[in-house]
């Protein structure tokens, strides 16, 4: 996108890409709330240009904020950012049908199942996970999946 383009003469696609970029940067900042040492992941659920839920990876409510054991292995009860954001919706009056999930890492297969069941229609992510079965499942379900590469200064670039 050209730097001298004003908001008024941007195409709808360029405006959406700019919004995707900004929400993904916000998800990255939100990830900084995680106490996990190995990896910090953030997620935002957005509907009609409004953030309706957020999450980051971490322990369930009431548990100590320690995600890894002495060998740096992640405890099995640690929740992923997407799961935290989606389950938070269950305790609110918000509805995720037709929403977009912005997440700093590609969803695993377990989170992909939650995304499908929550009615989320788009997923924008920044970091590829070693397994791609979650992405494949989302695509199979007809969910639009967009990868945006990370830059060092919290910027992103669509791929």
Protein backbone atom coordinates (compact mmCIF):
# COMPACT_ATOMS: atom_id res chain seq x y z
CA UNK A 1 0.00 0.00 0.00
CA UNK A 2 1.33 3.41 -0.93
CA UNK A 3 2.13 5.71 1.98
CA UNK A 4 0.63 8.77 0.30
CA UNK A 5 -2.79 7.17 -0.19
CA UNK A 6 -5.42 8.70 2.04
CA UNK A 7 -8.12 6.67 3.72
CA UNK A 8 -10.67 8.10 1.26
CA UNK A 9 -9.08 6.74 -1.91
CA UNK A 10 -8.26 3.28 -0.58
CA UNK A 11 -10.15 0.31 -1.98
CA UNK A 12 -12.35 -1.75 0.34
CA UNK A 13 -9.73 -4.51 0.16
CA UNK A 14 -6.95 -2.10 1.18
CA UNK A 15 -9.04 -0.79 4.07
CA UNK A 16 -9.71 -4.35 5.27
CA UNK A 17 -6.01 -5.21 5.00
CA UNK A 18 -5.16 -2.11 7.04
CA UNK A 19 -7.70 -3.12 9.71
CA UNK A 20 -6.37 -6.70 9.73
CA UNK A 21 -2.88 -5.30 10.22
CA UNK A 22 -3.92 -3.14 13.16
CA UNK A 23 -5.93 -5.82 14.96
CA UNK A 24 -3.08 -8.30 14.55
CA UNK A 25 -0.65 -5.78 16.06
CA UNK A 26 -3.06 -5.36 18.96
CA UNK A 27 -3.17 -9.15 19.42
CA UNK A 28 0.63 -9.14 19.58
CA UNK A 29 0.60 -6.53 22.30
CA UNK A 30 -2.13 -8.47 24.15
CA UNK A 31 0.12 -11.57 24.06
CA UNK A 32 2.49 -9.72 26.39
CA UNK A 33 -0.02 -10.43 29.20
CA UNK A 34 0.89 -14.13 29.06
CA UNK A 35 3.05 -15.55 31.84
CA UNK A 36 4.19 -18.40 29.58
CA UNK A 37 7.95 -18.39 29.09
CA UNK A 38 8.24 -20.58 25.99
CA UNK A 39 5.78 -18.68 23.84
CA UNK A 40 3.36 -15.81 24.30
CA UNK A 41 0.29 -15.87 22.07
CA UNK A 42 -2.52 -13.32 21.87
CA UNK A 43 -5.96 -13.45 20.25
CA UNK A 44 -8.77 -10.98 19.55
CA UNK A 45 -12.27 -11.74 18.29
CA UNK A 46 -13.63 -8.83 16.24
CA UNK A 47 -17.15 -8.34 14.91
CA UNK A 48 -18.40 -5.25 13.08
CA UNK A 49 -15.10 -3.43 13.81
CA UNK A 50 -15.53 -4.03 17.55
CA UNK A 51 -13.38 -6.25 19.76
CA UNK A 52 -15.86 -8.61 21.42
CA UNK A 53 -13.34 -10.87 23.15
CA UNK A 54 -9.66 -11.29 23.82
CA UNK A 55 -7.36 -13.97 25.15
CA UNK A 56 -3.78 -15.02 25.66
CA UNK A 57 -2.24 -18.36 26.48
CA UNK A 58 -2.08 -19.18 30.16
CA UNK A 59 -3.39 -21.20 33.05
CA UNK A 60 -7.09 -21.55 33.92
CA UNK A 61 -8.62 -19.04 36.35
CA UNK A 62 -7.55 -19.71 39.92
CA UNK A 63 -4.35 -21.56 38.96
CA UNK A 64 -0.84 -20.26 39.59
CA UNK A 65 0.44 -18.25 36.62
CA UNK A 66 3.11 -20.82 35.81
CA UNK A 67 2.85 -22.43 32.37
CA UNK A 68 5.95 -24.65 32.30
CA UNK A 69 7.48 -27.27 34.57
CA UNK A 70 11.14 -27.36 35.69
CA UNK A 71 12.12 -28.89 32.32
CA UNK A 72 10.37 -26.05 30.42
CA UNK A 73 7.62 -28.40 29.19
CA UNK A 74 4.21 -26.71 29.00
CA UNK A 75 1.68 -28.04 31.50
CA UNK A 76 -1.19 -29.87 29.73
CA UNK A 77 -3.83 -27.66 31.38
CA UNK A 78 -2.49 -24.42 29.85
CA UNK A 79 -5.12 -22.82 27.62
CA UNK A 80 -4.30 -21.50 24.16
CA UNK A 81 -5.07 -17.85 23.40
CA UNK A 82 -7.87 -18.77 20.98
CA UNK A 83 -9.52 -21.08 23.53
CA UNK A 84 -9.36 -18.34 26.17
CA UNK A 85 -10.93 -15.78 23.80
CA UNK A 86 -13.69 -18.16 22.64
CA UNK A 87 -14.57 -19.45 26.11
CA UNK A 88 -14.65 -15.88 27.42
CA UNK A 89 -17.46 -15.27 24.89
CA UNK A 90 -19.52 -17.97 26.61
CA UNK A 91 -19.57 -15.80 29.75
CA UNK A 92 -20.61 -12.65 27.89
CA UNK A 93 -23.60 -11.45 25.91
CA UNK A 94 -21.55 -11.27 22.70
CA UNK A 95 -22.14 -13.54 19.72
CA UNK A 96 -19.19 -14.62 17.56
CA UNK A 97 -21.21 -15.62 14.47
CA UNK A 98 -19.52 -14.12 11.41
CA UNK A 99 -16.62 -12.64 13.39
CA UNK A 100 -12.88 -12.56 12.67
CA UNK A 101 -10.24 -14.07 14.94
CA UNK A 102 -6.84 -12.37 15.01
CA UNK A 103 -4.18 -14.59 16.55
CA UNK A 104 -0.41 -14.26 16.72
CA UNK A 105 0.21 -17.96 15.95
CA UNK A 106 -1.64 -20.34 13.64
CA UNK A 107 -4.34 -22.31 15.46
CA UNK A 108 -3.77 -25.94 16.43
CA UNK A 109 -6.39 -28.54 15.50
CA UNK A 110 -8.09 -28.35 18.93
CA UNK A 111 -8.50 -24.57 18.66
CA UNK A 112 -9.60 -24.93 15.02
CA UNK A 113 -12.52 -27.07 16.21
CA UNK A 114 -13.53 -24.37 18.70
CA UNK A 115 -13.23 -21.69 16.00
CA UNK A 116 -15.54 -23.64 13.68
CA UNK A 117 -18.11 -24.26 16.42
CA UNK A 118 -18.02 -20.60 17.50
CA UNK A 119 -19.16 -19.46 14.02
CA UNK A 120 -15.99 -17.47 13.36
CA UNK A 121 -15.74 -16.87 9.57
CA UNK A 122 -12.22 -15.43 9.17
CA UNK A 123 -8.89 -16.16 10.87
CA UNK A 124 -5.90 -13.84 10.46
CA UNK A 125 -2.64 -15.12 11.95
CA UNK A 126 1.01 -14.07 12.00
CA UNK A 127 3.21 -17.01 12.96
CA UNK A 128 3.19 -20.47 11.41
CA UNK A 129 2.95 -23.45 13.75
CA UNK A 130 4.97 -26.62 13.07
CA UNK A 131 1.75 -28.54 12.40
CA UNK A 132 -0.71 -27.21 9.84
CA UNK A 133 -3.63 -29.55 10.56
CA UNK A 134 -5.53 -26.73 12.29
CA UNK A 135 -5.25 -24.49 9.22
CA UNK A 136 -6.29 -27.37 6.94
CA UNK A 137 -9.37 -28.05 9.08
CA UNK A 138 -10.39 -24.37 9.03
CA UNK A 139 -10.07 -24.28 5.23
CA UNK A 140 -12.08 -27.50 4.93
CA UNK A 141 -14.82 -25.83 6.99
CA UNK A 142 -14.93 -22.91 4.54
CA UNK A 143 -13.34 -20.40 6.92
CA UNK A 144 -11.24 -17.70 5.27
CA UNK A 145 -7.67 -18.02 6.57
CA UNK A 146 -5.10 -15.25 6.04
CA UNK A 147 -1.41 -15.41 6.94
CA UNK A 148 0.27 -12.07 7.61
CA UNK A 149 4.02 -12.21 8.12
CA UNK A 150 5.46 -10.56 11.22
CA UNK A 151 7.90 -7.69 11.10
CA UNK A 152 10.12 -6.67 14.00
CA UNK A 153 8.28 -3.41 14.74
CA UNK A 154 4.85 -5.04 15.24
CA UNK A 155 4.05 -4.41 11.59
CA UNK A 156 2.62 -7.10 9.35
CA UNK A 157 2.54 -7.88 5.69
CA UNK A 158 -0.09 -10.02 3.96
CA UNK A 159 1.19 -13.17 2.24
